[in-house]
């Protein structure tokens, strides 16, 4: 049985543009490595909301990441997918599925 957890993520553009890793515990207590998405380089970048579904392997790596929904600027989708594919969770004795919403706030 897959465990589905909804985790809220709010990442400001300043942290995104630097590509800095953040304290992962507010996102998920089992998440140990969580590089931020880098802001896309597009004219007239606006805020966007993206919901991603992740499949996490036994070793804690992300084996699959898919966009479940997206609104606002679609330019956020690829940087978010690229970032979450580098996320690492604690090891587990079963494969886990998680739903992670991102609320990318431009200029706030």
PDB file of N, CA and C in Angstrom:
ATOM      1  N   UNK A   1       0.846  -1.174   0.000  1.00  0.00           N
ATOM      2  CA  UNK A   1       0.000   0.000   0.000  1.00  0.00           C
ATOM      3  C   UNK A   1       0.887   1.231   0.000  1.00  0.00           C
ATOM      4  N   UNK A   2       0.534   2.169  -0.834  1.00  0.00           N
ATOM      5  CA  UNK A   2       1.322   3.390  -0.927  1.00  0.00           C
ATOM      6  C   UNK A   2       0.826   4.407   0.078  1.00  0.00           C
ATOM      7  N   UNK A   3       1.761   5.043   0.718  1.00  0.00           N
ATOM      8  CA  UNK A   3       1.438   6.097   1.658  1.00  0.00           C
ATOM      9  C   UNK A   3       1.432   7.415   0.905  1.00  0.00           C
ATOM     10  N   UNK A   4       0.345   8.147   0.987  1.00  0.00           N
ATOM     11  CA  UNK A   4       0.256   9.427   0.306  1.00  0.00           C
ATOM     12  C   UNK A   4       0.226  10.516   1.357  1.00  0.00           C
ATOM     13  N   UNK A   5       1.190  11.393   1.302  1.00  0.00           N
ATOM     14  CA  UNK A   5       1.267  12.505   2.241  1.00  0.00           C
ATOM     15  C   UNK A   5       1.228  13.807   1.463  1.00  0.00           C
ATOM     16  N   UNK A   6       0.494  14.737   1.967  1.00  0.00           N
ATOM     17  CA  UNK A   6       0.448  16.048   1.332  1.00  0.00           C
ATOM     18  C   UNK A   6       1.294  16.985   2.169  1.00  0.00           C
ATOM     19  N   UNK A   7       2.260  17.591   1.524  1.00  0.00           N
ATOM     20  CA  UNK A   7       3.213  18.439   2.201  1.00  0.00           C
ATOM     21  C   UNK A   7       3.197  19.803   1.520  1.00  0.00           C
ATOM     22  N   UNK A   8       3.033  20.858   2.288  1.00  0.00           N
ATOM     23  CA  UNK A   8       3.023  22.202   1.710  1.00  0.00           C
ATOM     24  C   UNK A   8       4.450  22.727   1.616  1.00  0.00           C
ATOM     25  N   UNK A   9       4.759  23.326   0.478  1.00  0.00           N
ATOM     26  CA  UNK A   9       6.084  23.874   0.254  1.00  0.00           C
ATOM     27  C   UNK A   9       5.932  25.294  -0.271  1.00  0.00           C
ATOM     28  N   UNK A  10       6.560  26.238   0.415  1.00  0.00           N
ATOM     29  CA  UNK A  10       6.564  27.623  -0.045  1.00  0.00           C
ATOM     30  C   UNK A  10       8.013  28.039  -0.184  1.00  0.00           C
ATOM     31  N   UNK A  11       8.435  28.324  -1.424  1.00  0.00           N
ATOM     32  CA  UNK A  11       9.826  28.654  -1.672  1.00  0.00           C
ATOM     33  C   UNK A  11       9.899  30.016  -2.345  1.00  0.00           C
ATOM     34  N   UNK A  12      10.620  30.951  -1.765  1.00  0.00           N
ATOM     35  CA  UNK A  12      10.756  32.296  -2.322  1.00  0.00           C
ATOM     36  C   UNK A  12      11.748  32.292  -3.466  1.00  0.00           C
ATOM     37  N   UNK A  13      11.609  33.249  -4.377  1.00  0.00           N
ATOM     38  CA  UNK A  13      12.478  33.330  -5.544  1.00  0.00           C
ATOM     39  C   UNK A  13      13.935  33.531  -5.157  1.00  0.00           C
ATOM     40  N   UNK A  14      14.210  34.253  -4.106  1.00  0.00           N
ATOM     41  CA  UNK A  14      15.595  34.495  -3.723  1.00  0.00           C
ATOM     42  C   UNK A  14      16.310  33.193  -3.400  1.00  0.00           C
ATOM     43  N   UNK A  15      15.671  32.291  -2.704  1.00  0.00           N
ATOM     44  CA  UNK A  15      16.288  30.996  -2.397  1.00  0.00           C
ATOM     45  C   UNK A  15      16.396  30.152  -3.653  1.00  0.00           C
ATOM     46  N   UNK A  16      15.376  30.233  -4.526  1.00  0.00           N
ATOM     47  CA  UNK A  16      15.391  29.448  -5.756  1.00  0.00           C
ATOM     48  C   UNK A  16      16.535  29.856  -6.658  1.00  0.00           C
ATOM     49  N   UNK A  17      16.733  31.157  -6.813  1.00  0.00           N
ATOM     50  CA  UNK A  17      17.734  31.633  -7.746  1.00  0.00           C
ATOM     51  C   UNK A  17      19.143  31.263  -7.310  1.00  0.00           C
ATOM     52  N   UNK A  18      19.356  31.060  -6.031  1.00  0.00           N
ATOM     53  CA  UNK A  18      20.668  30.681  -5.533  1.00  0.00           C
ATOM     54  C   UNK A  18      20.870  29.172  -5.561  1.00  0.00           C
ATOM     55  N   UNK A  19      19.802  28.399  -5.755  1.00  0.00           N
ATOM     56  CA  UNK A  19      19.897  26.946  -5.782  1.00  0.00           C
ATOM     57  C   UNK A  19      20.324  26.359  -4.453  1.00  0.00           C
ATOM     58  N   UNK A  20      20.016  27.033  -3.368  1.00  0.00           N
ATOM     59  CA  UNK A  20      20.450  26.602  -2.049  1.00  0.00           C
ATOM     60  C   UNK A  20      19.591  25.452  -1.527  1.00  0.00           C
ATOM     61  N   UNK A  21      20.233  24.584  -0.762  1.00  0.00           N
ATOM     62  CA  UNK A  21      19.479  23.562  -0.057  1.00  0.00           C
ATOM     63  C   UNK A  21      18.867  24.219   1.178  1.00  0.00           C
ATOM     64  N   UNK A  22      17.743  23.738   1.582  1.00  0.00           N
ATOM     65  CA  UNK A  22      17.057  24.294   2.747  1.00  0.00           C
ATOM     66  C   UNK A  22      16.894  23.216   3.804  1.00  0.00           C
ATOM     67  N   UNK A  23      16.492  23.633   4.994  1.00  0.00           N
ATOM     68  CA  UNK A  23      16.156  22.678   6.040  1.00  0.00           C
ATOM     69  C   UNK A  23      14.950  21.894   5.541  1.00  0.00           C
ATOM     70  N   UNK A  24      15.096  20.611   5.377  1.00  0.00           N
ATOM     71  CA  UNK A  24      14.057  19.778   4.775  1.00  0.00           C
ATOM     72  C   UNK A  24      12.923  19.415   5.722  1.00  0.00           C
ATOM     73  N   UNK A  25      13.144  19.523   7.026  1.00  0.00           N
ATOM     74  CA  UNK A  25      12.145  19.056   7.983  1.00  0.00           C
ATOM     75  C   UNK A  25      10.791  19.756   7.870  1.00  0.00           C
ATOM     76  N   UNK A  26      10.705  21.067   7.527  1.00  0.00           N
ATOM     77  CA  UNK A  26       9.366  21.647   7.359  1.00  0.00           C
ATOM     78  C   UNK A  26       8.602  21.067   6.158  1.00  0.00           C
ATOM     79  N   UNK A  27       9.346  20.577   5.173  1.00  0.00           N
ATOM     80  CA  UNK A  27       8.710  19.983   3.996  1.00  0.00           C
ATOM     81  C   UNK A  27       8.214  18.584   4.333  1.00  0.00           C
ATOM     82  N   UNK A  28       9.107  17.789   4.934  1.00  0.00           N
ATOM     83  CA  UNK A  28       8.788  16.408   5.304  1.00  0.00           C
ATOM     84  C   UNK A  28       9.858  15.938   6.284  1.00  0.00           C
ATOM     85  N   UNK A  29       9.486  15.403   7.446  1.00  0.00           N
ATOM     86  CA  UNK A  29      10.492  14.975   8.420  1.00  0.00           C
ATOM     87  C   UNK A  29      11.372  13.828   7.928  1.00  0.00           C
ATOM     88  N   UNK A  30      10.962  13.114   6.888  1.00  0.00           N
ATOM     89  CA  UNK A  30      11.739  12.002   6.355  1.00  0.00           C
ATOM     90  C   UNK A  30      12.638  12.420   5.194  1.00  0.00           C
ATOM     91  N   UNK A  31      12.550  13.658   4.798  1.00  0.00           N
ATOM     92  CA  UNK A  31      13.336  14.196   3.692  1.00  0.00           C
ATOM     93  C   UNK A  31      14.675  14.691   4.237  1.00  0.00           C
ATOM     94  N   UNK A  32      15.788  14.198   3.669  1.00  0.00           N
ATOM     95  CA  UNK A  32      17.106  14.568   4.190  1.00  0.00           C
ATOM     96  C   UNK A  32      17.901  15.475   3.247  1.00  0.00           C
ATOM     97  N   UNK A  33      17.643  15.426   1.957  1.00  0.00           N
ATOM     98  CA  UNK A  33      18.287  16.299   0.977  1.00  0.00           C
ATOM     99  C   UNK A  33      17.192  16.865   0.092  1.00  0.00           C
ATOM    100  N   UNK A  34      17.136  18.208  -0.002  1.00  0.00           N
ATOM    101  CA  UNK A  34      16.029  18.812  -0.762  1.00  0.00           C
ATOM    102  C   UNK A  34      16.465  20.105  -1.451  1.00  0.00           C
ATOM    103  N   UNK A  35      17.293  19.997  -2.502  1.00  0.00           N
ATOM    104  CA  UNK A  35      17.681  21.213  -3.199  1.00  0.00           C
ATOM    105  C   UNK A  35      16.443  21.924  -3.766  1.00  0.00           C
ATOM    106  N   UNK A  36      16.485  23.252  -3.699  1.00  0.00           N
ATOM    107  CA  UNK A  36      15.382  24.062  -4.217  1.00  0.00           C
ATOM    108  C   UNK A  36      15.388  24.096  -5.736  1.00  0.00           C
ATOM    109  N   UNK A  37      14.230  24.263  -6.323  1.00  0.00           N
ATOM    110  CA  UNK A  37      14.185  24.522  -7.767  1.00  0.00           C
ATOM    111  C   UNK A  37      14.836  25.867  -8.064  1.00  0.00           C
ATOM    112  N   UNK A  38      15.508  25.961  -9.190  1.00  0.00           N
ATOM    113  CA  UNK A  38      16.078  27.228  -9.625  1.00  0.00           C
ATOM    114  C   UNK A  38      15.024  27.955 -10.456  1.00  0.00           C
ATOM    115  N   UNK A  39      14.908  29.242 -10.233  1.00  0.00           N
ATOM    116  CA  UNK A  39      13.927  30.033 -10.971  1.00  0.00           C
ATOM    117  C   UNK A  39      14.234  29.966 -12.468  1.00  0.00           C
ATOM    118  N   UNK A  40      13.229  29.736 -13.281  1.00  0.00           N
ATOM    119  CA  UNK A  40      13.448  29.694 -14.733  1.00  0.00           C
ATOM    120  C   UNK A  40      13.792  31.087 -15.263  1.00  0.00           C
ATOM    121  N   UNK A  41      14.586  31.119 -16.306  1.00  0.00           N
ATOM    122  CA  UNK A  41      14.959  32.382 -16.940  1.00  0.00           C
ATOM    123  C   UNK A  41      14.012  32.639 -18.104  1.00  0.00           C
ATOM    124  N   UNK A  42      12.868  33.224 -17.783  1.00  0.00           N
ATOM    125  CA  UNK A  42      11.880  33.550 -18.814  1.00  0.00           C
ATOM    126  C   UNK A  42      11.419  34.991 -18.604  1.00  0.00           C
ATOM    127  N   UNK A  43      11.113  35.671 -19.705  1.00  0.00           N
ATOM    128  CA  UNK A  43      10.590  37.037 -19.560  1.00  0.00           C
ATOM    129  C   UNK A  43       9.238  37.006 -18.852  1.00  0.00           C
ATOM    130  N   UNK A  44       8.967  38.023 -18.096  1.00  0.00           N
ATOM    131  CA  UNK A  44       7.676  38.165 -17.427  1.00  0.00           C
ATOM    132  C   UNK A  44       7.332  36.971 -16.537  1.00  0.00           C
ATOM    133  N   UNK A  45       8.313  36.469 -15.795  1.00  0.00           N
ATOM    134  CA  UNK A  45       8.071  35.343 -14.892  1.00  0.00           C
ATOM    135  C   UNK A  45       7.049  35.736 -13.830  1.00  0.00           C
ATOM    136  N   UNK A  46       6.078  34.887 -13.633  1.00  0.00           N
ATOM    137  CA  UNK A  46       5.049  35.115 -12.622  1.00  0.00           C
ATOM    138  C   UNK A  46       5.048  33.947 -11.645  1.00  0.00           C
ATOM    139  N   UNK A  47       4.272  34.072 -10.602  1.00  0.00           N
ATOM    140  CA  UNK A  47       4.134  33.002  -9.622  1.00  0.00           C
ATOM    141  C   UNK A  47       3.475  31.787 -10.271  1.00  0.00           C
ATOM    142  N   UNK A  48       3.611  30.659  -9.632  1.00  0.00           N
ATOM    143  CA  UNK A  48       2.988  29.455 -10.139  1.00  0.00           C
ATOM    144  C   UNK A  48       2.801  28.423  -9.046  1.00  0.00           C
ATOM    145  N   UNK A  49       1.824  27.560  -9.240  1.00  0.00           N
ATOM    146  CA  UNK A  49       1.575  26.450  -8.315  1.00  0.00           C
ATOM    147  C   UNK A  49       1.697  25.159  -9.106  1.00  0.00           C
ATOM    148  N   UNK A  50       2.475  24.231  -8.553  1.00  0.00           N
ATOM    149  CA  UNK A  50       2.705  22.946  -9.205  1.00  0.00           C
ATOM    150  C   UNK A  50       2.565  21.858  -8.147  1.00  0.00           C
ATOM    151  N   UNK A  51       1.806  20.822  -8.454  1.00  0.00           N
ATOM    152  CA  UNK A  51       1.671  19.674  -7.554  1.00  0.00           C
ATOM    153  C   UNK A  51       2.354  18.489  -8.236  1.00  0.00           C
ATOM    154  N   UNK A  52       3.285  17.873  -7.507  1.00  0.00           N
ATOM    155  CA  UNK A  52       4.083  16.773  -8.030  1.00  0.00           C
ATOM    156  C   UNK A  52       3.797  15.511  -7.228  1.00  0.00           C
ATOM    157  N   UNK A  53       3.731  14.382  -7.917  1.00  0.00           N
ATOM    158  CA  UNK A  53       3.608  13.083  -7.257  1.00  0.00           C
ATOM    159  C   UNK A  53       4.956  12.387  -7.391  1.00  0.00           C
ATOM    160  N   UNK A  54       5.510  11.960  -6.251  1.00  0.00           N
ATOM    161  CA  UNK A  54       6.815  11.308  -6.214  1.00  0.00           C
ATOM    162  C   UNK A  54       6.677   9.840  -5.827  1.00  0.00           C
ATOM    163  N   UNK A  55       7.513   9.004  -6.410  1.00  0.00           N
ATOM    164  CA  UNK A  55       7.659   7.628  -5.951  1.00  0.00           C
ATOM    165  C   UNK A  55       9.060   7.525  -5.369  1.00  0.00           C
ATOM    166  N   UNK A  56       9.132   7.040  -4.132  1.00  0.00           N
ATOM    167  CA  UNK A  56      10.403   6.992  -3.416  1.00  0.00           C
ATOM    168  C   UNK A  56      10.826   5.537  -3.225  1.00  0.00           C
ATOM    169  N   UNK A  57      12.028   5.234  -3.682  1.00  0.00           N
ATOM    170  CA  UNK A  57      12.581   3.879  -3.587  1.00  0.00           C
ATOM    171  C   UNK A  57      12.946   3.533  -2.143  1.00  0.00           C
ATOM    172  N   UNK A  58      13.276   2.276  -1.932  1.00  0.00           N
ATOM    173  CA  UNK A  58      13.687   1.802  -0.608  1.00  0.00           C
ATOM    174  C   UNK A  58      14.921   2.537  -0.091  1.00  0.00           C
ATOM    175  N   UNK A  59      15.829   2.913  -1.002  1.00  0.00           N
ATOM    176  CA  UNK A  59      17.050   3.605  -0.587  1.00  0.00           C
ATOM    177  C   UNK A  59      16.843   5.099  -0.344  1.00  0.00           C
ATOM    178  N   UNK A  60      15.637   5.599  -0.556  1.00  0.00           N
ATOM    179  CA  UNK A  60      15.316   7.000  -0.308  1.00  0.00           C
ATOM    180  C   UNK A  60      15.405   7.899  -1.525  1.00  0.00           C
ATOM    181  N   UNK A  61      15.873   7.370  -2.647  1.00  0.00           N
ATOM    182  CA  UNK A  61      15.948   8.174  -3.863  1.00  0.00           C
ATOM    183  C   UNK A  61      14.574   8.244  -4.540  1.00  0.00           C
ATOM    184  N   UNK A  62      14.386   9.281  -5.332  1.00  0.00           N
ATOM    185  CA  UNK A  62      13.126   9.463  -6.059  1.00  0.00           C
ATOM    186  C   UNK A  62      13.234   8.722  -7.379  1.00  0.00           C
ATOM    187  N   UNK A  63      12.348   7.749  -7.590  1.00  0.00           N
ATOM    188  CA  UNK A  63      12.394   6.968  -8.823  1.00  0.00           C
ATOM    189  C   UNK A  63      11.502   7.540  -9.905  1.00  0.00           C
ATOM    190  N   UNK A  64      10.525   8.320  -9.512  1.00  0.00           N
ATOM    191  CA  UNK A  64       9.594   8.865 -10.487  1.00  0.00           C
ATOM    192  C   UNK A  64       9.016  10.154  -9.919  1.00  0.00           C
ATOM    193  N   UNK A  65       8.885  11.145 -10.763  1.00  0.00           N
ATOM    194  CA  UNK A  65       8.262  12.412 -10.377  1.00  0.00           C
ATOM    195  C   UNK A  65       7.412  12.873 -11.550  1.00  0.00           C
ATOM    196  N   UNK A  66       6.146  13.122 -11.285  1.00  0.00           N
ATOM    197  CA  UNK A  66       5.214  13.541 -12.334  1.00  0.00           C
ATOM    198  C   UNK A  66       4.414  14.749 -11.867  1.00  0.00           C
ATOM    199  N   UNK A  67       4.110  15.622 -12.814  1.00  0.00           N
ATOM    200  CA  UNK A  67       3.249  16.771 -12.539  1.00  0.00           C
ATOM    201  C   UNK A  67       1.815  16.267 -12.431  1.00  0.00           C
ATOM    202  N   UNK A  68       1.185  16.511 -11.312  1.00  0.00           N
ATOM    203  CA  UNK A  68      -0.219  16.155 -11.122  1.00  0.00           C
ATOM    204  C   UNK A  68      -1.105  17.307 -11.583  1.00  0.00           C
ATOM    205  N   UNK A  69      -0.699  18.541 -11.243  1.00  0.00           N
ATOM    206  CA  UNK A  69      -1.434  19.723 -11.703  1.00  0.00           C
ATOM    207  C   UNK A  69      -0.497  20.920 -11.687  1.00  0.00           C
ATOM    208  N   UNK A  70      -0.881  21.936 -12.456  1.00  0.00           N
ATOM    209  CA  UNK A  70      -0.060  23.130 -12.545  1.00  0.00           C
ATOM    210  C   UNK A  70      -0.962  24.311 -12.875  1.00  0.00           C
ATOM    211  N   UNK A  71      -0.678  25.452 -12.248  1.00  0.00           N
ATOM    212  CA  UNK A  71      -1.400  26.678 -12.575  1.00  0.00           C
ATOM    213  C   UNK A  71      -0.425  27.841 -12.461  1.00  0.00           C
ATOM    214  N   UNK A  72      -0.764  28.935 -13.064  1.00  0.00           N
ATOM    215  CA  UNK A  72       0.164  30.062 -13.085  1.00  0.00           C
ATOM    216  C   UNK A  72       1.154  29.858 -14.203  1.00  0.00           C
ATOM    217  N   UNK A  73       2.392  30.211 -13.979  1.00  0.00           N
ATOM    218  CA  UNK A  73       3.416  30.128 -15.009  1.00  0.00           C
ATOM    219  C   UNK A  73       3.951  28.701 -15.130  1.00  0.00           C
ATOM    220  N   UNK A  74       3.758  28.085 -16.288  1.00  0.00           N
ATOM    221  CA  UNK A  74       4.185  26.698 -16.499  1.00  0.00           C
ATOM    222  C   UNK A  74       5.703  26.559 -16.567  1.00  0.00           C
ATOM    223  N   UNK A  75       6.429  27.675 -16.648  1.00  0.00           N
ATOM    224  CA  UNK A  75       7.891  27.626 -16.686  1.00  0.00           C
ATOM    225  C   UNK A  75       8.473  27.040 -15.404  1.00  0.00           C
ATOM    226  N   UNK A  76       7.697  26.996 -14.333  1.00  0.00           N
ATOM    227  CA  UNK A  76       8.169  26.413 -13.071  1.00  0.00           C
ATOM    228  C   UNK A  76       8.223  24.883 -13.119  1.00  0.00           C
ATOM    229  N   UNK A  77       7.485  24.244 -14.013  1.00  0.00           N
ATOM    230  CA  UNK A  77       7.368  22.785 -14.002  1.00  0.00           C
ATOM    231  C   UNK A  77       8.705  22.070 -14.136  1.00  0.00           C
ATOM    232  N   UNK A  78       9.491  22.417 -15.142  1.00  0.00           N
ATOM    233  CA  UNK A  78      10.757  21.716 -15.367  1.00  0.00           C
ATOM    234  C   UNK A  78      11.748  21.929 -14.222  1.00  0.00           C
ATOM    235  N   UNK A  79      11.942  23.150 -13.712  1.00  0.00           N
ATOM    236  CA  UNK A  79      12.864  23.301 -12.573  1.00  0.00           C
ATOM    237  C   UNK A  79      12.410  22.531 -11.330  1.00  0.00           C
ATOM    238  N   UNK A  80      11.108  22.464 -11.102  1.00  0.00           N
ATOM    239  CA  UNK A  80      10.611  21.712  -9.947  1.00  0.00           C
ATOM    240  C   UNK A  80      10.869  20.220 -10.133  1.00  0.00           C
ATOM    241  N   UNK A  81      10.549  19.683 -11.305  1.00  0.00           N
ATOM    242  CA  UNK A  81      10.807  18.258 -11.560  1.00  0.00           C
ATOM    243  C   UNK A  81      12.296  17.939 -11.429  1.00  0.00           C
ATOM    244  N   UNK A  82      13.129  18.803 -11.965  1.00  0.00           N
ATOM    245  CA  UNK A  82      14.577  18.598 -11.887  1.00  0.00           C
ATOM    246  C   UNK A  82      15.057  18.581 -10.434  1.00  0.00           C
ATOM    247  N   UNK A  83      14.528  19.481  -9.620  1.00  0.00           N
ATOM    248  CA  UNK A  83      14.934  19.542  -8.209  1.00  0.00           C
ATOM    249  C   UNK A  83      14.469  18.314  -7.433  1.00  0.00           C
ATOM    250  N   UNK A  84      13.196  17.931  -7.566  1.00  0.00           N
ATOM    251  CA  UNK A  84      12.690  16.814  -6.757  1.00  0.00           C
ATOM    252  C   UNK A  84      13.309  15.478  -7.156  1.00  0.00           C
ATOM    253  N   UNK A  85      13.787  15.369  -8.374  1.00  0.00           N
ATOM    254  CA  UNK A  85      14.466  14.134  -8.770  1.00  0.00           C
ATOM    255  C   UNK A  85      15.809  13.983  -8.055  1.00  0.00           C
ATOM    256  N   UNK A  86      16.318  15.074  -7.476  1.00  0.00           N
ATOM    257  CA  UNK A  86      17.560  15.021  -6.693  1.00  0.00           C
ATOM    258  C   UNK A  86      17.286  14.915  -5.198  1.00  0.00           C
ATOM    259  N   UNK A  87      16.042  14.957  -4.797  1.00  0.00           N
ATOM    260  CA  UNK A  87      15.705  14.829  -3.379  1.00  0.00           C
ATOM    261  C   UNK A  87      16.066  13.433  -2.888  1.00  0.00           C
ATOM    262  N   UNK A  88      16.391  13.346  -1.590  1.00  0.00           N
ATOM    263  CA  UNK A  88      16.675  12.063  -0.953  1.00  0.00           C
ATOM    264  C   UNK A  88      15.939  11.991   0.374  1.00  0.00           C
ATOM    265  N   UNK A  89      15.267  10.881   0.568  1.00  0.00           N
ATOM    266  CA  UNK A  89      14.535  10.609   1.801  1.00  0.00           C
ATOM    267  C   UNK A  89      15.289   9.592   2.627  1.00  0.00           C
ATOM    268  N   UNK A  90      14.886   9.414   3.864  1.00  0.00           N
ATOM    269  CA  UNK A  90      15.433   8.346   4.698  1.00  0.00           C
ATOM    270  C   UNK A  90      15.116   7.002   4.049  1.00  0.00           C
ATOM    271  N   UNK A  91      15.961   6.017   4.281  1.00  0.00           N
ATOM    272  CA  UNK A  91      15.690   4.678   3.772  1.00  0.00           C
ATOM    273  C   UNK A  91      14.420   4.140   4.407  1.00  0.00           C
ATOM    274  N   UNK A  92      13.745   3.258   3.685  1.00  0.00           N
ATOM    275  CA  UNK A  92      12.483   2.706   4.165  1.00  0.00           C
ATOM    276  C   UNK A  92      12.413   1.229   3.800  1.00  0.00           C
ATOM    277  N   UNK A  93      11.493   0.519   4.414  1.00  0.00           N
ATOM    278  CA  UNK A  93      11.308  -0.889   4.074  1.00  0.00           C
ATOM    279  C   UNK A  93      10.200  -1.092   3.044  1.00  0.00           C
ATOM    280  N   UNK A  94       9.679   0.019   2.493  1.00  0.00           N
ATOM    281  CA  UNK A  94       8.665  -0.079   1.450  1.00  0.00           C
ATOM    282  C   UNK A  94       8.717   1.150   0.541  1.00  0.00           C
ATOM    283  N   UNK A  95       8.267   0.965  -0.687  1.00  0.00           N
ATOM    284  CA  UNK A  95       8.182   2.058  -1.654  1.00  0.00           C
ATOM    285  C   UNK A  95       7.065   2.990  -1.211  1.00  0.00           C
ATOM    286  N   UNK A  96       7.307   4.287  -1.321  1.00  0.00           N
ATOM    287  CA  UNK A  96       6.349   5.284  -0.844  1.00  0.00           C
ATOM    288  C   UNK A  96       6.000   6.249  -1.972  1.00  0.00           C
ATOM    289  N   UNK A  97       4.751   6.648  -2.020  1.00  0.00           N
ATOM    290  CA  UNK A  97       4.299   7.678  -2.951  1.00  0.00           C
ATOM    291  C   UNK A  97       3.894   8.900  -2.139  1.00  0.00           C
ATOM    292  N   UNK A  98       4.333  10.077  -2.578  1.00  0.00           N
ATOM    293  CA  UNK A  98       4.002  11.314  -1.875  1.00  0.00           C
ATOM    294  C   UNK A  98       3.518  12.350  -2.881  1.00  0.00           C
ATOM    295  N   UNK A  99       2.580  13.158  -2.445  1.00  0.00           N
ATOM    296  CA  UNK A  99       2.103  14.283  -3.234  1.00  0.00           C
ATOM    297  C   UNK A  99       2.646  15.550  -2.589  1.00  0.00           C
ATOM    298  N   UNK A 100       3.360  16.358  -3.397  1.00  0.00           N
ATOM    299  CA  UNK A 100       4.015  17.546  -2.866  1.00  0.00           C
ATOM    300  C   UNK A 100       3.575  18.778  -3.656  1.00  0.00           C
ATOM    301  N   UNK A 101       2.851  19.703  -3.005  1.00  0.00           N
ATOM    302  CA  UNK A 101       2.470  20.947  -3.692  1.00  0.00           C
ATOM    303  C   UNK A 101       3.546  22.018  -3.509  1.00  0.00           C
ATOM    304  N   UNK A 102       3.861  22.715  -4.578  1.00  0.00           N
ATOM    305  CA  UNK A 102       4.796  23.844  -4.564  1.00  0.00           C
ATOM    306  C   UNK A 102       4.020  25.113  -4.864  1.00  0.00           C
ATOM    307  N   UNK A 103       4.267  26.148  -4.084  1.00  0.00           N
ATOM    308  CA  UNK A 103       3.672  27.460  -4.318  1.00  0.00           C
ATOM    309  C   UNK A 103       4.830  28.421  -4.546  1.00  0.00           C
ATOM    310  N   UNK A 104       5.180  28.645  -5.805  1.00  0.00           N
ATOM    311  CA  UNK A 104       6.327  29.473  -6.145  1.00  0.00           C
ATOM    312  C   UNK A 104       5.871  30.931  -6.211  1.00  0.00           C
ATOM    313  N   UNK A 105       6.372  31.735  -5.293  1.00  0.00           N
ATOM    314  CA  UNK A 105       5.985  33.146  -5.203  1.00  0.00           C
ATOM    315  C   UNK A 105       7.083  33.992  -5.823  1.00  0.00           C
ATOM    316  N   UNK A 106       6.799  34.630  -6.915  1.00  0.00           N
ATOM    317  CA  UNK A 106       7.775  35.465  -7.598  1.00  0.00           C
ATOM    318  C   UNK A 106       7.823  36.848  -6.974  1.00  0.00           C
ATOM    319  N   UNK A 107       9.024  37.239  -6.555  1.00  0.00           N
ATOM    320  CA  UNK A 107       9.233  38.588  -6.054  1.00  0.00           C
ATOM    321  C   UNK A 107       8.667  38.883  -4.695  1.00  0.00           C
ATOM    322  N   UNK A 108       8.366  37.851  -3.898  1.00  0.00           N
ATOM    323  CA  UNK A 108       7.824  38.080  -2.548  1.00  0.00           C
ATOM    324  C   UNK A 108       8.818  37.669  -1.512  1.00  0.00           C
TER     325      UNK A 108
END
